[in-house]
Amino acid sequence: MERRRRAVRRGSGILDRLEELKLALLSGQAGEGTLENLARTLREDRPQDSDAGLNGLLDQIDLRAAVELAKADLRRSAA
């Protein structure tokens, strides 16, 4: 049960960082601090849960975060 709680907490944290990034970009800021926090959270080990549905959802959250980090790298390269 504790692994499940940690996995959900990690997923929620990534979603929070993605929301912060969205708000920063909409306000015209680069959101560099948010990107660093997002990258750090994504690098953390993710506890695996026996629930395949939860693992699939967490995979999708991780993928969305990785896409946003890649897009940020492209923006930096273009600047």
N, C-alpha and C. Protein backbone atom coordinates (compact mmCIF):
# COMPACT_ATOMS: atom_id res chain seq x y z
N MET A 1 0.82 -1.20 0.00
CA MET A 1 0.00 0.00 0.00
C MET A 1 0.86 1.27 0.00
N GLU A 2 1.99 1.21 0.71
CA GLU A 2 2.88 2.38 0.77
C GLU A 2 3.48 2.67 -0.60
N ARG A 3 3.86 1.63 -1.36
CA ARG A 3 4.40 1.85 -2.71
C ARG A 3 3.37 2.54 -3.59
N ARG A 4 2.14 2.12 -3.46
CA ARG A 4 1.06 2.73 -4.26
C ARG A 4 0.91 4.21 -3.90
N ARG A 5 0.96 4.51 -2.61
CA ARG A 5 0.85 5.90 -2.17
C ARG A 5 2.00 6.74 -2.71
N ARG A 6 3.22 6.20 -2.66
CA ARG A 6 4.38 6.93 -3.18
C ARG A 6 4.27 7.13 -4.68
N ALA A 7 3.79 6.12 -5.40
CA ALA A 7 3.65 6.23 -6.85
C ALA A 7 2.62 7.30 -7.20
N VAL A 8 1.51 7.32 -6.50
CA VAL A 8 0.48 8.32 -6.75
C VAL A 8 0.99 9.71 -6.39
N ARG A 9 1.70 9.82 -5.30
CA ARG A 9 2.26 11.12 -4.88
C ARG A 9 3.24 11.64 -5.93
N ARG A 10 4.07 10.75 -6.47
CA ARG A 10 5.03 11.14 -7.50
C ARG A 10 4.30 11.60 -8.76
N GLY A 11 3.29 10.86 -9.18
CA GLY A 11 2.51 11.25 -10.35
C GLY A 11 1.83 12.60 -10.15
N SER A 12 1.28 12.80 -8.99
CA SER A 12 0.63 14.09 -8.68
C SER A 12 1.65 15.22 -8.70
N GLY A 13 2.84 14.95 -8.19
CA GLY A 13 3.89 15.97 -8.19
C GLY A 13 4.29 16.36 -9.61
N ILE A 14 4.40 15.38 -10.49
CA ILE A 14 4.74 15.67 -11.88
C ILE A 14 3.63 16.49 -12.53
N LEU A 15 2.39 16.12 -12.28
CA LEU A 15 1.27 16.89 -12.83
C LEU A 15 1.29 18.33 -12.30
N ASP A 16 1.63 18.51 -11.04
CA ASP A 16 1.74 19.86 -10.48
C ASP A 16 2.84 20.66 -11.19
N ARG A 17 4.00 20.02 -11.43
CA ARG A 17 5.10 20.71 -12.13
C ARG A 17 4.69 21.07 -13.56
N LEU A 18 3.94 20.17 -14.22
CA LEU A 18 3.47 20.47 -15.58
C LEU A 18 2.51 21.66 -15.58
N GLU A 19 1.66 21.74 -14.58
CA GLU A 19 0.75 22.88 -14.46
C GLU A 19 1.53 24.17 -14.23
N GLU A 20 2.54 24.12 -13.37
CA GLU A 20 3.38 25.30 -13.11
C GLU A 20 4.08 25.73 -14.40
N LEU A 21 4.56 24.77 -15.17
CA LEU A 21 5.23 25.07 -16.43
C LEU A 21 4.25 25.75 -17.39
N LYS A 22 3.06 25.22 -17.48
CA LYS A 22 2.05 25.81 -18.36
C LYS A 22 1.78 27.26 -17.98
N LEU A 23 1.61 27.52 -16.70
CA LEU A 23 1.35 28.89 -16.24
C LEU A 23 2.53 29.81 -16.51
N ALA A 24 3.74 29.30 -16.32
CA ALA A 24 4.93 30.11 -16.60
C ALA A 24 5.01 30.46 -18.08
N LEU A 25 4.78 29.49 -18.94
CA LEU A 25 4.84 29.73 -20.38
C LEU A 25 3.75 30.70 -20.83
N LEU A 26 2.56 30.55 -20.28
CA LEU A 26 1.46 31.45 -20.64
C LEU A 26 1.71 32.88 -20.19
N SER A 27 2.47 33.05 -19.13
CA SER A 27 2.78 34.40 -18.65
C SER A 27 4.04 34.96 -19.29
N GLY A 28 4.63 34.21 -20.23
CA GLY A 28 5.80 34.70 -20.96
C GLY A 28 7.13 34.43 -20.29
N GLN A 29 7.13 33.64 -19.26
CA GLN A 29 8.37 33.30 -18.56
C GLN A 29 8.92 32.00 -19.12
N ALA A 30 10.21 31.80 -18.93
CA ALA A 30 10.85 30.58 -19.43
C ALA A 30 10.53 29.37 -18.56
N GLY A 31 10.28 29.59 -17.28
CA GLY A 31 9.96 28.48 -16.39
C GLY A 31 11.13 27.55 -16.13
N GLU A 32 12.35 28.10 -16.13
CA GLU A 32 13.55 27.27 -15.97
C GLU A 32 13.57 26.52 -14.64
N GLY A 33 13.16 27.19 -13.57
CA GLY A 33 13.13 26.51 -12.27
C GLY A 33 12.14 25.36 -12.27
N THR A 34 11.01 25.59 -12.89
CA THR A 34 9.99 24.54 -12.98
C THR A 34 10.50 23.37 -13.81
N LEU A 35 11.21 23.68 -14.90
CA LEU A 35 11.76 22.61 -15.75
C LEU A 35 12.78 21.78 -14.97
N GLU A 36 13.60 22.45 -14.17
CA GLU A 36 14.58 21.71 -13.37
C GLU A 36 13.88 20.82 -12.35
N ASN A 37 12.84 21.35 -11.70
CA ASN A 37 12.08 20.54 -10.73
C ASN A 37 11.41 19.36 -11.42
N LEU A 38 10.88 19.59 -12.61
CA LEU A 38 10.22 18.54 -13.37
C LEU A 38 11.23 17.45 -13.73
N ALA A 39 12.39 17.86 -14.22
CA ALA A 39 13.42 16.88 -14.59
C ALA A 39 13.88 16.08 -13.38
N ARG A 40 14.04 16.75 -12.25
CA ARG A 40 14.48 16.07 -11.02
C ARG A 40 13.44 15.05 -10.57
N THR A 41 12.18 15.45 -10.61
CA THR A 41 11.10 14.54 -10.19
C THR A 41 11.02 13.35 -11.13
N LEU A 42 11.19 13.59 -12.42
CA LEU A 42 11.11 12.51 -13.40
C LEU A 42 12.25 11.51 -13.23
N ARG A 43 13.41 11.98 -12.78
CA ARG A 43 14.56 11.07 -12.58
C ARG A 43 14.41 10.19 -11.35
N GLU A 44 13.54 10.57 -10.43
CA GLU A 44 13.35 9.78 -9.21
C GLU A 44 12.81 8.39 -9.57
N ASP A 45 13.23 7.41 -8.81
CA ASP A 45 12.71 6.06 -9.02
C ASP A 45 11.21 6.06 -8.79
N ARG A 46 10.51 5.37 -9.67
CA ARG A 46 9.06 5.27 -9.55
C ARG A 46 8.71 3.91 -8.99
N PRO A 47 8.04 3.89 -7.85
CA PRO A 47 7.62 2.60 -7.31
C PRO A 47 6.61 1.94 -8.25
N GLN A 48 6.77 0.65 -8.48
CA GLN A 48 5.83 -0.09 -9.31
C GLN A 48 4.70 -0.62 -8.45
N ASP A 49 3.51 -0.53 -8.97
CA ASP A 49 2.34 -1.01 -8.27
C ASP A 49 1.82 -2.24 -8.99
N SER A 50 1.09 -3.07 -8.29
CA SER A 50 0.54 -4.27 -8.92
C SER A 50 -0.65 -3.94 -9.82
N ASP A 51 -1.17 -2.74 -9.72
CA ASP A 51 -2.31 -2.30 -10.54
C ASP A 51 -1.80 -1.84 -11.90
N ALA A 52 -2.09 -2.63 -12.93
CA ALA A 52 -1.63 -2.30 -14.29
C ALA A 52 -2.22 -0.98 -14.77
N GLY A 53 -3.43 -0.67 -14.38
CA GLY A 53 -4.05 0.59 -14.78
C GLY A 53 -3.31 1.79 -14.21
N LEU A 54 -2.93 1.71 -12.95
CA LEU A 54 -2.18 2.79 -12.32
C LEU A 54 -0.81 2.93 -12.98
N ASN A 55 -0.14 1.82 -13.23
CA ASN A 55 1.16 1.89 -13.89
C ASN A 55 1.05 2.50 -15.28
N GLY A 56 -0.01 2.16 -16.01
CA GLY A 56 -0.21 2.74 -17.33
C GLY A 56 -0.43 4.25 -17.26
N LEU A 57 -1.20 4.68 -16.28
CA LEU A 57 -1.44 6.11 -16.10
C LEU A 57 -0.15 6.83 -15.75
N LEU A 58 0.63 6.24 -14.86
CA LEU A 58 1.90 6.85 -14.47
C LEU A 58 2.87 6.87 -15.66
N ASP A 59 2.84 5.86 -16.51
CA ASP A 59 3.66 5.87 -17.73
C ASP A 59 3.28 7.05 -18.61
N GLN A 60 1.99 7.31 -18.75
CA GLN A 60 1.54 8.43 -19.57
C GLN A 60 1.96 9.77 -18.98
N ILE A 61 1.89 9.91 -17.67
CA ILE A 61 2.34 11.15 -17.02
C ILE A 61 3.82 11.34 -17.25
N ASP A 62 4.62 10.28 -17.07
CA ASP A 62 6.06 10.37 -17.30
C ASP A 62 6.37 10.76 -18.74
N LEU A 63 5.64 10.18 -19.68
CA LEU A 63 5.85 10.50 -21.09
C LEU A 63 5.53 11.96 -21.37
N ARG A 64 4.44 12.46 -20.83
CA ARG A 64 4.07 13.88 -21.05
C ARG A 64 5.15 14.79 -20.51
N ALA A 65 5.70 14.46 -19.33
CA ALA A 65 6.76 15.26 -18.74
C ALA A 65 8.02 15.21 -19.62
N ALA A 66 8.36 14.03 -20.12
CA ALA A 66 9.53 13.89 -20.98
C ALA A 66 9.36 14.70 -22.27
N VAL A 67 8.16 14.72 -22.82
CA VAL A 67 7.89 15.51 -24.02
C VAL A 67 8.09 16.99 -23.73
N GLU A 68 7.59 17.46 -22.61
CA GLU A 68 7.75 18.88 -22.27
C GLU A 68 9.21 19.24 -22.06
N LEU A 69 9.98 18.35 -21.46
CA LEU A 69 11.41 18.61 -21.29
C LEU A 69 12.12 18.65 -22.64
N ALA A 70 11.75 17.76 -23.55
CA ALA A 70 12.35 17.76 -24.89
C ALA A 70 11.99 19.03 -25.64
N LYS A 71 10.75 19.47 -25.53
CA LYS A 71 10.33 20.71 -26.19
C LYS A 71 11.11 21.90 -25.63
N ALA A 72 11.35 21.91 -24.34
CA ALA A 72 12.12 22.99 -23.73
C ALA A 72 13.55 22.99 -24.26
N ASP A 73 14.14 21.81 -24.43
CA ASP A 73 15.49 21.71 -25.00
C ASP A 73 15.52 22.26 -26.43
N LEU A 74 14.49 21.95 -27.20
CA LEU A 74 14.40 22.49 -28.56
C LEU A 74 14.29 24.02 -28.55
N ARG A 75 13.49 24.56 -27.64
CA ARG A 75 13.36 26.02 -27.54
C ARG A 75 14.70 26.65 -27.18
N ARG A 76 15.43 26.03 -26.27
CA ARG A 76 16.75 26.56 -25.89
C ARG A 76 17.71 26.52 -27.06
N SER A 77 17.67 25.43 -27.82
CA SER A 77 18.57 25.29 -28.97
C SER A 77 18.27 26.30 -30.06
N ALA A 78 17.00 26.62 -30.23
CA ALA A 78 16.60 27.56 -31.27
C ALA A 78 16.92 29.01 -30.90
N ALA A 79 17.06 29.27 -29.61
CA ALA A 79 17.30 30.65 -29.17
C ALA A 79 18.72 31.09 -29.31
